[in-house]
PDB file of N, CA and C in Angstrom:
ATOM      1  N   MET A   1     -75.514 -85.169 120.690  1.00  0.00           N
ATOM      2  CA  MET A   1     -74.156 -84.885 121.086  1.00  0.00           C
ATOM      3  C   MET A   1     -73.903 -85.493 122.462  1.00  0.00           C
ATOM      4  N   MET A   2     -72.762 -86.150 122.603  1.00  0.00           N
ATOM      5  CA  MET A   2     -72.424 -86.665 123.922  1.00  0.00           C
ATOM      6  C   MET A   2     -71.908 -85.519 124.776  1.00  0.00           C
ATOM      7  N   SER A   3     -72.052 -85.664 126.059  1.00  0.00           N
ATOM      8  CA  SER A   3     -71.666 -84.616 126.980  1.00  0.00           C
ATOM      9  C   SER A   3     -70.188 -84.753 127.327  1.00  0.00           C
ATOM     10  N   CYS A   4     -69.466 -83.634 127.272  1.00  0.00           N
ATOM     11  CA  CYS A   4     -68.053 -83.619 127.623  1.00  0.00           C
ATOM     12  C   CYS A   4     -67.854 -82.780 128.877  1.00  0.00           C
ATOM     13  N   GLN A   5     -66.901 -83.179 129.678  1.00  0.00           N
ATOM     14  CA  GLN A   5     -66.511 -82.357 130.811  1.00  0.00           C
ATOM     15  C   GLN A   5     -65.702 -81.169 130.276  1.00  0.00           C
ATOM     16  N   PRO A   6     -65.780 -80.018 130.923  1.00  0.00           N
ATOM     17  CA  PRO A   6     -65.071 -78.846 130.404  1.00  0.00           C
ATOM     18  C   PRO A   6     -63.575 -79.059 130.184  1.00  0.00           C
ATOM     19  N   TRP A   7     -62.941 -79.875 131.002  1.00  0.00           N
ATOM     20  CA  TRP A   7     -61.498 -80.079 130.911  1.00  0.00           C
ATOM     21  C   TRP A   7     -61.101 -81.187 129.945  1.00  0.00           C
ATOM     22  N   ASP A   8     -62.048 -81.869 129.321  1.00  0.00           N
ATOM     23  CA  ASP A   8     -61.758 -83.020 128.462  1.00  0.00           C
ATOM     24  C   ASP A   8     -61.572 -82.583 127.007  1.00  0.00           C
ATOM     25  N   LYS A   9     -60.382 -82.114 126.715  1.00  0.00           N
ATOM     26  CA  LYS A   9     -60.074 -81.593 125.382  1.00  0.00           C
ATOM     27  C   LYS A   9     -60.333 -82.633 124.283  1.00  0.00           C
ATOM     28  N   GLU A  10     -59.907 -83.860 124.491  1.00  0.00           N
ATOM     29  CA  GLU A  10     -60.082 -84.902 123.474  1.00  0.00           C
ATOM     30  C   GLU A  10     -61.560 -85.129 123.165  1.00  0.00           C
ATOM     31  N   CYS A  11     -62.385 -85.117 124.176  1.00  0.00           N
ATOM     32  CA  CYS A  11     -63.831 -85.289 123.969  1.00  0.00           C
ATOM     33  C   CYS A  11     -64.379 -84.137 123.126  1.00  0.00           C
ATOM     34  N   TRP A  12     -63.986 -82.915 123.455  1.00  0.00           N
ATOM     35  CA  TRP A  12     -64.494 -81.760 122.702  1.00  0.00           C
ATOM     36  C   TRP A  12     -64.051 -81.800 121.246  1.00  0.00           C
ATOM     37  N   LEU A  13     -62.818 -82.232 120.998  1.00  0.00           N
ATOM     38  CA  LEU A  13     -62.316 -82.263 119.621  1.00  0.00           C
ATOM     39  C   LEU A  13     -63.079 -83.258 118.751  1.00  0.00           C
ATOM     40  N   LYS A  14     -63.701 -84.245 119.353  1.00  0.00           N
ATOM     41  CA  LYS A  14     -64.460 -85.264 118.613  1.00  0.00           C
ATOM     42  C   LYS A  14     -65.920 -84.877 118.392  1.00  0.00           C
ATOM     43  N   GLN A  15     -66.361 -83.802 118.983  1.00  0.00           N
ATOM     44  CA  GLN A  15     -67.773 -83.411 118.926  1.00  0.00           C
ATOM     45  C   GLN A  15     -68.225 -83.014 117.523  1.00  0.00           C
ATOM     46  N   GLN A  16     -69.462 -83.343 117.218  1.00  0.00           N
ATOM     47  CA  GLN A  16     -70.138 -82.854 116.026  1.00  0.00           C
ATOM     48  C   GLN A  16     -71.101 -81.783 116.523  1.00  0.00           C
ATOM     49  N   CYS A  17     -70.829 -80.538 116.221  1.00  0.00           N
ATOM     50  CA  CYS A  17     -71.603 -79.429 116.770  1.00  0.00           C
ATOM     51  C   CYS A  17     -72.716 -78.994 115.822  1.00  0.00           C
ATOM     52  N   ASN A  18     -73.866 -78.711 116.383  1.00  0.00           N
ATOM     53  CA  ASN A  18     -74.955 -78.112 115.615  1.00  0.00           C
ATOM     54  C   ASN A  18     -74.599 -76.655 115.320  1.00  0.00           C
ATOM     55  N   PRO A  19     -75.176 -76.079 114.259  1.00  0.00           N
ATOM     56  CA  PRO A  19     -74.841 -74.690 113.903  1.00  0.00           C
ATOM     57  C   PRO A  19     -75.134 -73.668 115.006  1.00  0.00           C
ATOM     58  N   THR A  20     -76.093 -73.944 115.869  1.00  0.00           N
ATOM     59  CA  THR A  20     -76.401 -72.987 116.934  1.00  0.00           C
ATOM     60  C   THR A  20     -75.879 -73.446 118.296  1.00  0.00           C
ATOM     61  N   ASP A  21     -75.066 -74.490 118.310  1.00  0.00           N
ATOM     62  CA  ASP A  21     -74.452 -74.952 119.561  1.00  0.00           C
ATOM     63  C   ASP A  21     -73.111 -74.238 119.713  1.00  0.00           C
ATOM     64  N   PHE A  22     -73.193 -72.984 120.134  1.00  0.00           N
ATOM     65  CA  PHE A  22     -72.012 -72.131 120.189  1.00  0.00           C
ATOM     66  C   PHE A  22     -71.016 -72.603 121.247  1.00  0.00           C
ATOM     67  N   THR A  23     -71.513 -73.136 122.350  1.00  0.00           N
ATOM     68  CA  THR A  23     -70.606 -73.649 123.379  1.00  0.00           C
ATOM     69  C   THR A  23     -69.759 -74.778 122.802  1.00  0.00           C
ATOM     70  N   CYS A  24     -70.384 -75.686 122.102  1.00  0.00           N
ATOM     71  CA  CYS A  24     -69.666 -76.792 121.475  1.00  0.00           C
ATOM     72  C   CYS A  24     -68.638 -76.268 120.474  1.00  0.00           C
ATOM     73  N   GLN A  25     -69.035 -75.323 119.647  1.00  0.00           N
ATOM     74  CA  GLN A  25     -68.120 -74.780 118.647  1.00  0.00           C
ATOM     75  C   GLN A  25     -66.897 -74.129 119.293  1.00  0.00           C
ATOM     76  N   VAL A  26     -67.138 -73.391 120.369  1.00  0.00           N
ATOM     77  CA  VAL A  26     -66.037 -72.709 121.054  1.00  0.00           C
ATOM     78  C   VAL A  26     -65.120 -73.728 121.734  1.00  0.00           C
ATOM     79  N   MET A  27     -65.715 -74.678 122.432  1.00  0.00           N
ATOM     80  CA  MET A  27     -64.914 -75.663 123.152  1.00  0.00           C
ATOM     81  C   MET A  27     -64.200 -76.619 122.194  1.00  0.00           C
ATOM     82  N   LYS A  28     -64.741 -76.806 121.005  1.00  0.00           N
ATOM     83  CA  LYS A  28     -64.160 -77.719 120.028  1.00  0.00           C
ATOM     84  C   LYS A  28     -62.958 -77.116 119.297  1.00  0.00           C
ATOM     85  N   ASP A  29     -62.892 -75.801 119.226  1.00  0.00           N
ATOM     86  CA  ASP A  29     -61.804 -75.160 118.498  1.00  0.00           C
ATOM     87  C   ASP A  29     -60.471 -75.420 119.215  1.00  0.00           C
ATOM     88  N   GLU A  30     -59.594 -76.174 118.573  1.00  0.00           N
ATOM     89  CA  GLU A  30     -58.355 -76.615 119.227  1.00  0.00           C
ATOM     90  C   GLU A  30     -57.469 -75.450 119.645  1.00  0.00           C
ATOM     91  N   GLU A  31     -57.316 -74.465 118.784  1.00  0.00           N
ATOM     92  CA  GLU A  31     -56.452 -73.329 119.131  1.00  0.00           C
ATOM     93  C   GLU A  31     -57.021 -72.554 120.315  1.00  0.00           C
ATOM     94  N   LEU A  32     -58.311 -72.267 120.275  1.00  0.00           N
ATOM     95  CA  LEU A  32     -58.942 -71.545 121.376  1.00  0.00           C
ATOM     96  C   LEU A  32     -58.877 -72.366 122.656  1.00  0.00           C
ATOM     97  N   TYR A  33     -59.178 -73.651 122.562  1.00  0.00           N
ATOM     98  CA  TYR A  33     -59.153 -74.496 123.749  1.00  0.00           C
ATOM     99  C   TYR A  33     -57.757 -74.520 124.371  1.00  0.00           C
ATOM    100  N   SER A  34     -56.758 -74.705 123.541  1.00  0.00           N
ATOM    101  CA  SER A  34     -55.396 -74.801 124.053  1.00  0.00           C
ATOM    102  C   SER A  34     -54.887 -73.486 124.610  1.00  0.00           C
ATOM    103  N   TYR A  35     -55.193 -72.415 123.924  1.00  0.00           N
ATOM    104  CA  TYR A  35     -54.640 -71.122 124.324  1.00  0.00           C
ATOM    105  C   TYR A  35     -55.438 -70.458 125.436  1.00  0.00           C
ATOM    106  N   LEU A  36     -56.737 -70.360 125.253  1.00  0.00           N
ATOM    107  CA  LEU A  36     -57.556 -69.606 126.199  1.00  0.00           C
ATOM    108  C   LEU A  36     -58.236 -70.452 127.259  1.00  0.00           C
ATOM    109  N   ILE A  37     -58.587 -71.664 126.930  1.00  0.00           N
ATOM    110  CA  ILE A  37     -59.438 -72.439 127.827  1.00  0.00           C
ATOM    111  C   ILE A  37     -58.664 -73.536 128.534  1.00  0.00           C
ATOM    112  N   GLY A  38     -57.888 -74.287 127.809  1.00  0.00           N
ATOM    113  CA  GLY A  38     -57.341 -75.505 128.377  1.00  0.00           C
ATOM    114  C   GLY A  38     -56.049 -75.397 129.138  1.00  0.00           C
ATOM    115  N   SER A  39     -55.256 -74.336 128.923  1.00  0.00           N
ATOM    116  CA  SER A  39     -53.936 -74.368 129.531  1.00  0.00           C
ATOM    117  C   SER A  39     -53.489 -73.062 130.173  1.00  0.00           C
ATOM    118  N   PHE A  40     -54.081 -71.943 129.835  1.00  0.00           N
ATOM    119  CA  PHE A  40     -53.566 -70.665 130.313  1.00  0.00           C
ATOM    120  C   PHE A  40     -53.832 -70.464 131.799  1.00  0.00           C
ATOM    121  N   CYS A  41     -52.802 -70.075 132.505  1.00  0.00           N
ATOM    122  CA  CYS A  41     -52.926 -69.754 133.920  1.00  0.00           C
ATOM    123  C   CYS A  41     -51.737 -68.870 134.296  1.00  0.00           C
ATOM    124  N   ARG A  42     -51.989 -67.776 134.980  1.00  0.00           N
ATOM    125  CA  ARG A  42     -50.904 -66.860 135.345  1.00  0.00           C
ATOM    126  C   ARG A  42     -49.947 -67.480 136.358  1.00  0.00           C
ATOM    127  N   ASP A  43     -50.433 -68.375 137.181  1.00  0.00           N
ATOM    128  CA  ASP A  43     -49.628 -68.991 138.233  1.00  0.00           C
ATOM    129  C   ASP A  43     -49.965 -70.482 138.275  1.00  0.00           C
ATOM    130  N   PRO A  44     -49.312 -71.293 137.413  1.00  0.00           N
ATOM    131  CA  PRO A  44     -49.681 -72.707 137.313  1.00  0.00           C
ATOM    132  C   PRO A  44     -49.749 -73.454 138.645  1.00  0.00           C
ATOM    133  N   PRO A  45     -48.808 -73.253 139.570  1.00  0.00           N
ATOM    134  CA  PRO A  45     -48.959 -73.976 140.845  1.00  0.00           C
ATOM    135  C   PRO A  45     -50.264 -73.606 141.568  1.00  0.00           C
ATOM    136  N   ALA A  46     -50.633 -72.348 141.515  1.00  0.00           N
ATOM    137  CA  ALA A  46     -51.878 -71.927 142.164  1.00  0.00           C
ATOM    138  C   ALA A  46     -53.075 -72.544 141.457  1.00  0.00           C
ATOM    139  N   CYS A  47     -53.020 -72.631 140.141  1.00  0.00           N
ATOM    140  CA  CYS A  47     -54.132 -73.242 139.398  1.00  0.00           C
ATOM    141  C   CYS A  47     -54.289 -74.698 139.785  1.00  0.00           C
ATOM    142  N   THR A  48     -53.176 -75.391 139.954  1.00  0.00           N
ATOM    143  CA  THR A  48     -53.225 -76.783 140.357  1.00  0.00           C
ATOM    144  C   THR A  48     -53.791 -76.902 141.765  1.00  0.00           C
ATOM    145  N   GLN A  49     -53.380 -76.013 142.659  1.00  0.00           N
ATOM    146  CA  GLN A  49     -53.891 -76.053 144.030  1.00  0.00           C
ATOM    147  C   GLN A  49     -55.381 -75.752 144.060  1.00  0.00           C
ATOM    148  N   ARG A  50     -55.818 -74.827 143.212  1.00  0.00           N
ATOM    149  CA  ARG A  50     -57.246 -74.499 143.155  1.00  0.00           C
ATOM    150  C   ARG A  50     -58.044 -75.700 142.711  1.00  0.00           C
ATOM    151  N   GLY A  51     -57.407 -76.526 141.903  1.00  0.00           N
ATOM    152  CA  GLY A  51     -58.097 -77.706 141.409  1.00  0.00           C
ATOM    153  C   GLY A  51     -59.069 -77.400 140.290  1.00  0.00           C
ATOM    154  N   ARG A  52     -58.985 -76.220 139.717  1.00  0.00           N
ATOM    155  CA  ARG A  52     -59.896 -75.853 138.633  1.00  0.00           C
ATOM    156  C   ARG A  52     -59.085 -75.336 137.456  1.00  0.00           C
ATOM    157  N   LEU A  53     -59.429 -75.784 136.305  1.00  0.00           N
ATOM    158  CA  LEU A  53     -58.835 -75.259 135.083  1.00  0.00           C
ATOM    159  C   LEU A  53     -59.688 -74.103 134.587  1.00  0.00           C
ATOM    160  N   PRO A  54     -59.103 -73.191 133.835  1.00  0.00           N
ATOM    161  CA  PRO A  54     -59.916 -72.102 133.268  1.00  0.00           C
ATOM    162  C   PRO A  54     -61.132 -72.617 132.502  1.00  0.00           C
ATOM    163  N   SER A  55     -61.021 -73.789 131.883  1.00  0.00           N
ATOM    164  CA  SER A  55     -62.161 -74.330 131.136  1.00  0.00           C
ATOM    165  C   SER A  55     -63.371 -74.556 132.037  1.00  0.00           C
ATOM    166  N   GLU A  56     -63.137 -74.942 133.276  1.00  0.00           N
ATOM    167  CA  GLU A  56     -64.244 -75.181 134.200  1.00  0.00           C
ATOM    168  C   GLU A  56     -64.950 -73.888 134.585  1.00  0.00           C
ATOM    169  N   LEU A  57     -64.226 -72.793 134.539  1.00  0.00           N
ATOM    170  CA  LEU A  57     -64.803 -71.502 134.899  1.00  0.00           C
ATOM    171  C   LEU A  57     -65.487 -70.833 133.709  1.00  0.00           C
ATOM    172  N   LEU A  58     -64.923 -71.019 132.513  1.00  0.00           N
ATOM    173  CA  LEU A  58     -65.484 -70.377 131.326  1.00  0.00           C
ATOM    174  C   LEU A  58     -66.669 -71.135 130.728  1.00  0.00           C
ATOM    175  N   TYR A  59     -66.669 -72.437 130.844  1.00  0.00           N
ATOM    176  CA  TYR A  59     -67.728 -73.255 130.258  1.00  0.00           C
ATOM    177  C   TYR A  59     -69.126 -72.796 130.687  1.00  0.00           C
ATOM    178  N   PRO A  60     -69.380 -72.551 131.982  1.00  0.00           N
ATOM    179  CA  PRO A  60     -70.723 -72.097 132.371  1.00  0.00           C
ATOM    180  C   PRO A  60     -71.102 -70.744 131.757  1.00  0.00           C
ATOM    181  N   ILE A  61     -70.112 -69.885 131.549  1.00  0.00           N
ATOM    182  CA  ILE A  61     -70.388 -68.599 130.897  1.00  0.00           C
ATOM    183  C   ILE A  61     -70.802 -68.840 129.455  1.00  0.00           C
ATOM    184  N   PHE A  62     -70.077 -69.703 128.763  1.00  0.00           N
ATOM    185  CA  PHE A  62     -70.433 -70.021 127.378  1.00  0.00           C
ATOM    186  C   PHE A  62     -71.829 -70.615 127.295  1.00  0.00           C
ATOM    187  N   GLU A  63     -72.141 -71.539 128.193  1.00  0.00           N
ATOM    188  CA  GLU A  63     -73.472 -72.158 128.183  1.00  0.00           C
ATOM    189  C   GLU A  63     -74.574 -71.130 128.435  1.00  0.00           C
ATOM    190  N   ALA A  64     -74.365 -70.259 129.425  1.00  0.00           N
ATOM    191  CA  ALA A  64     -75.371 -69.240 129.739  1.00  0.00           C
ATOM    192  C   ALA A  64     -75.562 -68.296 128.555  1.00  0.00           C
ATOM    193  N   CYS A  65     -74.478 -67.898 127.931  1.00  0.00           N
ATOM    194  CA  CYS A  65     -74.574 -66.999 126.780  1.00  0.00           C
ATOM    195  C   CYS A  65     -75.234 -67.685 125.593  1.00  0.00           C
ATOM    196  N   GLU A  66     -74.977 -68.975 125.414  1.00  0.00           N
ATOM    197  CA  GLU A  66     -75.624 -69.714 124.335  1.00  0.00           C
ATOM    198  C   GLU A  66     -77.139 -69.740 124.543  1.00  0.00           C
ATOM    199  N   GLN A  67     -77.564 -70.000 125.769  1.00  0.00           N
ATOM    200  CA  GLN A  67     -79.005 -70.024 126.058  1.00  0.00           C
ATOM    201  C   GLN A  67     -79.619 -68.647 125.828  1.00  0.00           C
ATOM    202  N   GLU A  68     -78.914 -67.614 126.248  1.00  0.00           N
ATOM    203  CA  GLU A  68     -79.426 -66.253 126.088  1.00  0.00           C
ATOM    204  C   GLU A  68     -79.471 -65.831 124.622  1.00  0.00           C
ATOM    205  N   SER A  69     -78.590 -66.381 123.822  1.00  0.00           N
ATOM    206  CA  SER A  69     -78.475 -65.950 122.428  1.00  0.00           C
ATOM    207  C   SER A  69     -79.621 -66.427 121.548  1.00  0.00           C
ATOM    208  N   ALA A  70     -80.315 -67.477 121.949  1.00  0.00           N
ATOM    209  CA  ALA A  70     -81.416 -68.040 121.158  1.00  0.00           C
ATOM    210  C   ALA A  70     -81.000 -68.297 119.707  1.00  0.00           C
ATOM    211  N   GLY A  71     -79.777 -68.813 119.533  1.00  0.00           N
ATOM    212  CA  GLY A  71     -79.312 -69.183 118.197  1.00  0.00           C
ATOM    213  C   GLY A  71     -78.706 -68.057 117.379  1.00  0.00           C
ATOM    214  N   ASP A  72     -78.578 -66.874 117.949  1.00  0.00           N
ATOM    215  CA  ASP A  72     -78.018 -65.723 117.234  1.00  0.00           C
ATOM    216  C   ASP A  72     -76.548 -65.562 117.617  1.00  0.00           C
ATOM    217  N   PRO A  73     -75.610 -65.795 116.670  1.00  0.00           N
ATOM    218  CA  PRO A  73     -74.189 -65.720 117.009  1.00  0.00           C
ATOM    219  C   PRO A  73     -73.754 -64.334 117.510  1.00  0.00           C
ATOM    220  N   GLU A  74     -74.358 -63.274 116.998  1.00  0.00           N
ATOM    221  CA  GLU A  74     -73.995 -61.932 117.452  1.00  0.00           C
ATOM    222  C   GLU A  74     -74.395 -61.731 118.923  1.00  0.00           C
ATOM    223  N   ARG A  75     -75.573 -62.220 119.282  1.00  0.00           N
ATOM    224  CA  ARG A  75     -75.998 -62.125 120.689  1.00  0.00           C
ATOM    225  C   ARG A  75     -75.084 -62.958 121.584  1.00  0.00           C
ATOM    226  N   PHE A  76     -74.631 -64.103 121.092  1.00  0.00           N
ATOM    227  CA  PHE A  76     -73.700 -64.948 121.843  1.00  0.00           C
ATOM    228  C   PHE A  76     -72.410 -64.168 122.106  1.00  0.00           C
ATOM    229  N   LEU A  77     -71.849 -63.573 121.076  1.00  0.00           N
ATOM    230  CA  LEU A  77     -70.609 -62.800 121.232  1.00  0.00           C
ATOM    231  C   LEU A  77     -70.808 -61.599 122.149  1.00  0.00           C
ATOM    232  N   ASN A  78     -71.933 -60.907 122.002  1.00  0.00           N
ATOM    233  CA  ASN A  78     -72.198 -59.756 122.860  1.00  0.00           C
ATOM    234  C   ASN A  78     -72.328 -60.160 124.319  1.00  0.00           C
ATOM    235  N   CYS A  79     -72.924 -61.289 124.574  1.00  0.00           N
ATOM    236  CA  CYS A  79     -73.046 -61.790 125.940  1.00  0.00           C
ATOM    237  C   CYS A  79     -71.661 -62.054 126.533  1.00  0.00           C
ATOM    238  N   ILE A  80     -70.792 -62.687 125.760  1.00  0.00           N
ATOM    239  CA  ILE A  80     -69.430 -62.950 126.250  1.00  0.00           C
ATOM    240  C   ILE A  80     -68.706 -61.635 126.518  1.00  0.00           C
ATOM    241  N   LEU A  81     -68.888 -60.652 125.640  1.00  0.00           N
ATOM    242  CA  LEU A  81     -68.274 -59.339 125.873  1.00  0.00           C
ATOM    243  C   LEU A  81     -68.821 -58.692 127.144  1.00  0.00           C
ATOM    244  N   ASP A  82     -70.116 -58.829 127.370  1.00  0.00           N
ATOM    245  CA  ASP A  82     -70.706 -58.292 128.605  1.00  0.00           C
ATOM    246  C   ASP A  82     -70.116 -58.983 129.829  1.00  0.00           C
ATOM    247  N   MET A  83     -69.925 -60.290 129.760  1.00  0.00           N
ATOM    248  CA  MET A  83     -69.342 -61.026 130.883  1.00  0.00           C
ATOM    249  C   MET A  83     -67.895 -60.592 131.114  1.00  0.00           C
ATOM    250  N   ARG A  84     -67.170 -60.360 130.022  1.00  0.00           N
ATOM    251  CA  ARG A  84     -65.796 -59.866 130.143  1.00  0.00           C
ATOM    252  C   ARG A  84     -65.776 -58.544 130.885  1.00  0.00           C
ATOM    253  N   ASP A  85     -66.658 -57.643 130.483  1.00  0.00           N
ATOM    254  CA  ASP A  85     -66.715 -56.326 131.131  1.00  0.00           C
ATOM    255  C   ASP A  85     -67.081 -56.456 132.598  1.00  0.00           C
ATOM    256  N   LEU A  86     -68.033 -57.329 132.887  1.00  0.00           N
ATOM    257  CA  LEU A  86     -68.457 -57.532 134.270  1.00  0.00           C
ATOM    258  C   LEU A  86     -67.310 -58.073 135.127  1.00  0.00           C
ATOM    259  N   ILE A  87     -66.586 -59.038 134.599  1.00  0.00           N
ATOM    260  CA  ILE A  87     -65.448 -59.599 135.336  1.00  0.00           C
ATOM    261  C   ILE A  87     -64.380 -58.530 135.538  1.00  0.00           C
ATOM    262  N   TYR A  88     -64.107 -57.756 134.508  1.00  0.00           N
ATOM    263  CA  TYR A  88     -63.099 -56.701 134.614  1.00  0.00           C
ATOM    264  C   TYR A  88     -63.493 -55.667 135.665  1.00  0.00           C
ATOM    265  N   GLU A  89     -64.738 -55.237 135.629  1.00  0.00           N
ATOM    266  CA  GLU A  89     -65.204 -54.250 136.608  1.00  0.00           C
ATOM    267  C   GLU A  89     -65.199 -54.834 138.017  1.00  0.00           C
ATOM    268  N   SER A  90     -65.550 -56.103 138.139  1.00  0.00           N
ATOM    269  CA  SER A  90     -65.509 -56.759 139.446  1.00  0.00           C
ATOM    270  C   SER A  90     -64.079 -56.807 139.970  1.00  0.00           C
ATOM    271  N   LEU A  91     -63.140 -57.073 139.090  1.00  0.00           N
ATOM    272  CA  LEU A  91     -61.735 -57.115 139.479  1.00  0.00           C
ATOM    273  C   LEU A  91     -61.289 -55.765 140.032  1.00  0.00           C
ATOM    274  N   ASN A  92     -61.666 -54.704 139.341  1.00  0.00           N
ATOM    275  CA  ASN A  92     -61.304 -53.370 139.825  1.00  0.00           C
ATOM    276  C   ASN A  92     -61.905 -53.114 141.207  1.00  0.00           C
ATOM    277  N   HIS A  93     -63.122 -53.532 141.408  1.00  0.00           N
ATOM    278  CA  HIS A  93     -63.773 -53.349 142.703  1.00  0.00           C
ATOM    279  C   HIS A  93     -63.060 -54.177 143.779  1.00  0.00           C
ATOM    280  N   VAL A  94     -62.719 -55.408 143.458  1.00  0.00           N
ATOM    281  CA  VAL A  94     -62.019 -56.261 144.413  1.00  0.00           C
ATOM    282  C   VAL A  94     -60.684 -55.632 144.800  1.00  0.00           C
ATOM    283  N   LYS A  95     -59.959 -55.083 143.835  1.00  0.00           N
ATOM    284  CA  LYS A  95     -58.690 -54.420 144.136  1.00  0.00           C
ATOM    285  C   LYS A  95     -58.895 -53.283 145.131  1.00  0.00           C
ATOM    286  N   GLU A  96     -59.946 -52.504 144.938  1.00  0.00           N
ATOM    287  CA  GLU A  96     -60.236 -51.394 145.849  1.00  0.00           C
ATOM    288  C   GLU A  96     -60.603 -51.895 147.241  1.00  0.00           C
ATOM    289  N   VAL A  97     -61.384 -52.935 147.299  1.00  0.00           N
ATOM    290  CA  VAL A  97     -61.785 -53.496 148.594  1.00  0.00           C
ATOM    291  C   VAL A  97     -60.570 -54.024 149.342  1.00  0.00           C
ATOM    292  N   LEU A  98     -59.672 -54.682 148.639  1.00  0.00           N
ATOM    293  CA  LEU A  98     -58.493 -55.262 149.284  1.00  0.00           C
ATOM    294  C   LEU A  98     -57.496 -54.209 149.755  1.00  0.00           C
ATOM    295  N   LYS A  99     -57.548 -53.020 149.184  1.00  0.00           N
ATOM    296  CA  LYS A  99     -56.666 -51.932 149.615  1.00  0.00           C
ATOM    297  C   LYS A  99     -57.059 -51.392 150.983  1.00  0.00           C
ATOM    298  N   LYS A 100     -58.305 -51.593 151.362  1.00  0.00           N
ATOM    299  CA  LYS A 100     -58.812 -51.040 152.632  1.00  0.00           C
ATOM    300  C   LYS A 100     -58.232 -51.733 153.837  1.00  0.00           C
TER     301      LYS A 100
END
């Protein structure tokens, strides 16, 4: 498989993914890429200023979860759910810290 940059939607759409290459499968899915990874941002001007697309932030999570899953799709999904919970809990903590 050739290597694609997280923000390169066209490259991901052309990928031939192995059955246990969950990162490739997720990044290759056009609907998921467009909706969740490639374009969503609560404040587009801020996203542009940050210089990072959501795909650049999520891709490392997908890769880490794929490695942890050892080819098991359920473990891959559970890892992503754990990361979601961790991010959510971190957000709540950040909100509390910023109130001080």
